[in-house]
C-alpha atoms as a PDB file:
ATOM      1  CA  MET A   1      39.316 -17.327-178.151  1.00  0.00           C
ATOM      2  CA  GLN A   2      41.818 -19.410-176.677  1.00  0.00           C
ATOM      3  CA  ASN A   3      44.329 -18.890-174.382  1.00  0.00           C
ATOM      4  CA  LYS A   4      47.173 -19.154-176.879  1.00  0.00           C
ATOM      5  CA  GLU A   5      45.855 -17.354-179.455  1.00  0.00           C
ATOM      6  CA  ILE A   6      44.931 -14.449-176.854  1.00  0.00           C
ATOM      7  CA  PHE A   7      48.856 -14.982-175.879  1.00  0.00           C
ATOM      8  CA  ASN A   8      50.057 -14.673-179.273  1.00  0.00           C
ATOM      9  CA  VAL A   9      48.155 -11.418-179.229  1.00  0.00           C
ATOM     10  CA  PHE A  10      50.341  -9.604-176.965  1.00  0.00           C
ATOM     11  CA  PHE A  11      53.554 -11.893-177.586  1.00  0.00           C
ATOM     12  CA  ARG A  12      55.353 -13.513-180.252  1.00  0.00           C
ATOM     13  CA  GLU A  13      54.847 -16.729-179.409  1.00  0.00           C
ATOM     14  CA  LYS A  14      58.604 -18.248-179.932  1.00  0.00           C
ATOM     15  CA  PRO A  15      60.772 -15.751-178.405  1.00  0.00           C
ATOM     16  CA  ALA A  16      58.278 -15.912-175.137  1.00  0.00           C
ATOM     17  CA  MET A  17      58.191 -19.667-174.683  1.00  0.00           C
ATOM     18  CA  MET A  18      62.108 -19.540-175.565  1.00  0.00           C
ATOM     19  CA  LEU A  19      62.688 -17.314-172.532  1.00  0.00           C
ATOM     20  CA  VAL A  20      60.068 -19.582-170.335  1.00  0.00           C
ATOM     21  CA  HIS A  21      61.583 -22.731-171.280  1.00  0.00           C
ATOM     22  CA  LEU A  22      64.711 -21.159-170.318  1.00  0.00           C
ATOM     23  CA  LYS A  23      63.405 -20.435-166.726  1.00  0.00           C
ATOM     24  CA  ASN A  24      61.448 -23.427-166.109  1.00  0.00           C
ATOM     25  CA  SER A  25      64.400 -26.272-167.744  1.00  0.00           C
ATOM     26  CA  ASP A  26      66.060 -28.194-164.921  1.00  0.00           C
ATOM     27  CA  MET A  27      68.634 -29.065-167.236  1.00  0.00           C
ATOM     28  CA  ASP A  28      71.216 -27.511-169.555  1.00  0.00           C
ATOM     29  CA  VAL A  29      69.695 -25.871-172.417  1.00  0.00           C
ATOM     30  CA  TYR A  30      71.161 -25.320-175.962  1.00  0.00           C
ATOM     31  CA  ALA A  31      70.190 -23.392-178.909  1.00  0.00           C
ATOM     32  CA  SER A  32      69.589 -27.199-181.079  1.00  0.00           C
ATOM     33  CA  SER A  33      67.494 -28.449-177.817  1.00  0.00           C
ATOM     34  CA  LEU A  34      65.566 -25.041-177.344  1.00  0.00           C
ATOM     35  CA  ALA A  35      64.569 -25.276-181.280  1.00  0.00           C
ATOM     36  CA  LYS A  36      63.384 -28.476-180.944  1.00  0.00           C
ATOM     37  CA  ARG A  37      61.624 -28.081-177.649  1.00  0.00           C
ATOM     38  CA  ILE A  38      59.454 -25.198-179.145  1.00  0.00           C
ATOM     39  CA  ASP A  39      59.905 -26.306-183.032  1.00  0.00           C
ATOM     40  CA  CYS A  40      61.536 -23.747-184.632  1.00  0.00           C
ATOM     41  CA  THR A  41      64.491 -23.899-187.195  1.00  0.00           C
ATOM     42  CA  TYR A  42      67.920 -23.876-185.326  1.00  0.00           C
ATOM     43  CA  SER A  43      68.953 -20.933-187.611  1.00  0.00           C
ATOM     44  CA  HIS A  44      65.650 -18.924-186.320  1.00  0.00           C
ATOM     45  CA  VAL A  45      66.738 -19.697-182.762  1.00  0.00           C
ATOM     46  CA  VAL A  46      70.252 -18.757-183.094  1.00  0.00           C
ATOM     47  CA  LYS A  47      69.249 -15.430-184.485  1.00  0.00           C
ATOM     48  CA  ILE A  48      66.213 -14.792-181.722  1.00  0.00           C
ATOM     49  CA  LEU A  49      68.742 -15.724-179.298  1.00  0.00           C
ATOM     50  CA  GLN A  50      71.670 -13.201-180.424  1.00  0.00           C
ATOM     51  CA  GLU A  51      68.945 -10.515-180.287  1.00  0.00           C
ATOM     52  CA  MET A  52      68.081 -11.712-176.698  1.00  0.00           C
ATOM     53  CA  GLU A  53      71.977 -11.544-176.044  1.00  0.00           C
ATOM     54  CA  LYS A  54      72.101  -7.895-177.411  1.00  0.00           C
ATOM     55  CA  ALA A  55      69.341  -6.929-175.083  1.00  0.00           C
ATOM     56  CA  SER A  56      70.754  -8.412-171.727  1.00  0.00           C
ATOM     57  CA  LEU A  57      68.659 -11.210-171.498  1.00  0.00           C
ATOM     58  CA  ILE A  58      70.322 -14.390-171.722  1.00  0.00           C
ATOM     59  CA  ASN A  59      74.165 -15.656-171.970  1.00  0.00           C
ATOM     60  CA  PHE A  60      75.838 -17.629-174.042  1.00  0.00           C
ATOM     61  CA  GLU A  61      78.798 -20.048-171.976  1.00  0.00           C
ATOM     62  CA  LYS A  62      80.857 -22.100-174.375  1.00  0.00           C
ATOM     63  CA  THR A  63      81.453 -24.979-173.070  1.00  0.00           C
ATOM     64  CA  GLY A  64      84.098 -27.577-175.452  1.00  0.00           C
ATOM     65  CA  ARG A  65      81.788 -26.829-178.978  1.00  0.00           C
ATOM     66  CA  LEU A  66      78.440 -26.147-177.420  1.00  0.00           C
ATOM     67  CA  LYS A  67      77.253 -22.584-176.006  1.00  0.00           C
ATOM     68  CA  LEU A  68      75.503 -23.176-173.070  1.00  0.00           C
ATOM     69  CA  LEU A  69      72.489 -20.723-172.573  1.00  0.00           C
ATOM     70  CA  THR A  70      71.536 -19.173-169.447  1.00  0.00           C
ATOM     71  CA  LEU A  71      69.234 -16.091-168.542  1.00  0.00           C
ATOM     72  CA  THR A  72      70.961 -12.843-167.032  1.00  0.00           C
ATOM     73  CA  LYS A  73      68.940 -11.601-163.916  1.00  0.00           C
ATOM     74  CA  LYS A  74      66.979  -9.306-166.129  1.00  0.00           C
ATOM     75  CA  GLY A  75      66.341 -12.444-168.429  1.00  0.00           C
ATOM     76  CA  GLU A  76      65.294 -13.839-165.267  1.00  0.00           C
ATOM     77  CA  GLU A  77      62.737 -11.184-164.621  1.00  0.00           C
ATOM     78  CA  VAL A  78      61.206 -10.863-167.757  1.00  0.00           C
ATOM     79  CA  ALA A  79      60.660 -14.363-168.248  1.00  0.00           C
ATOM     80  CA  GLU A  80      59.124 -14.776-164.968  1.00  0.00           C
ATOM     81  CA  LYS A  81      56.436 -11.814-166.211  1.00  0.00           C
ATOM     82  CA  ILE A  82      55.736 -13.744-169.703  1.00  0.00           C
ATOM     83  CA  ASP A  83      55.404 -16.833-167.778  1.00  0.00           C
ATOM     84  CA  MET A  84      52.716 -15.426-165.257  1.00  0.00           C
ATOM     85  CA  ILE A  85      50.777 -13.688-168.013  1.00  0.00           C
ATOM     86  CA  ARG A  86      50.504 -17.206-170.279  1.00  0.00           C
ATOM     87  CA  LEU A  87      49.345 -18.448-166.748  1.00  0.00           C
ATOM     88  CA  ARG A  88      46.803 -16.063-166.129  1.00  0.00           C
ATOM     89  CA  LEU A  89      45.530 -16.184-169.993  1.00  0.00           C
END
């Protein structure tokens, strides 16, 4: 089994990679750019992000018409652990 396949056994790929991308990004991240980055529809990304916000993993910061995405402290910890597991597999 390839690394990506075994990773997907334990984690849903898109939500996990959303957190990892937010953690590793050195630029501002918005839902639309995140959707392109993980090859997912904008509406699906927004739905997942809303669930992550409810779980206190991310924050939406409104800047004009756009909403900037940032990880909370809890979100950073979860993303770090997911990334570590992904890299070990």
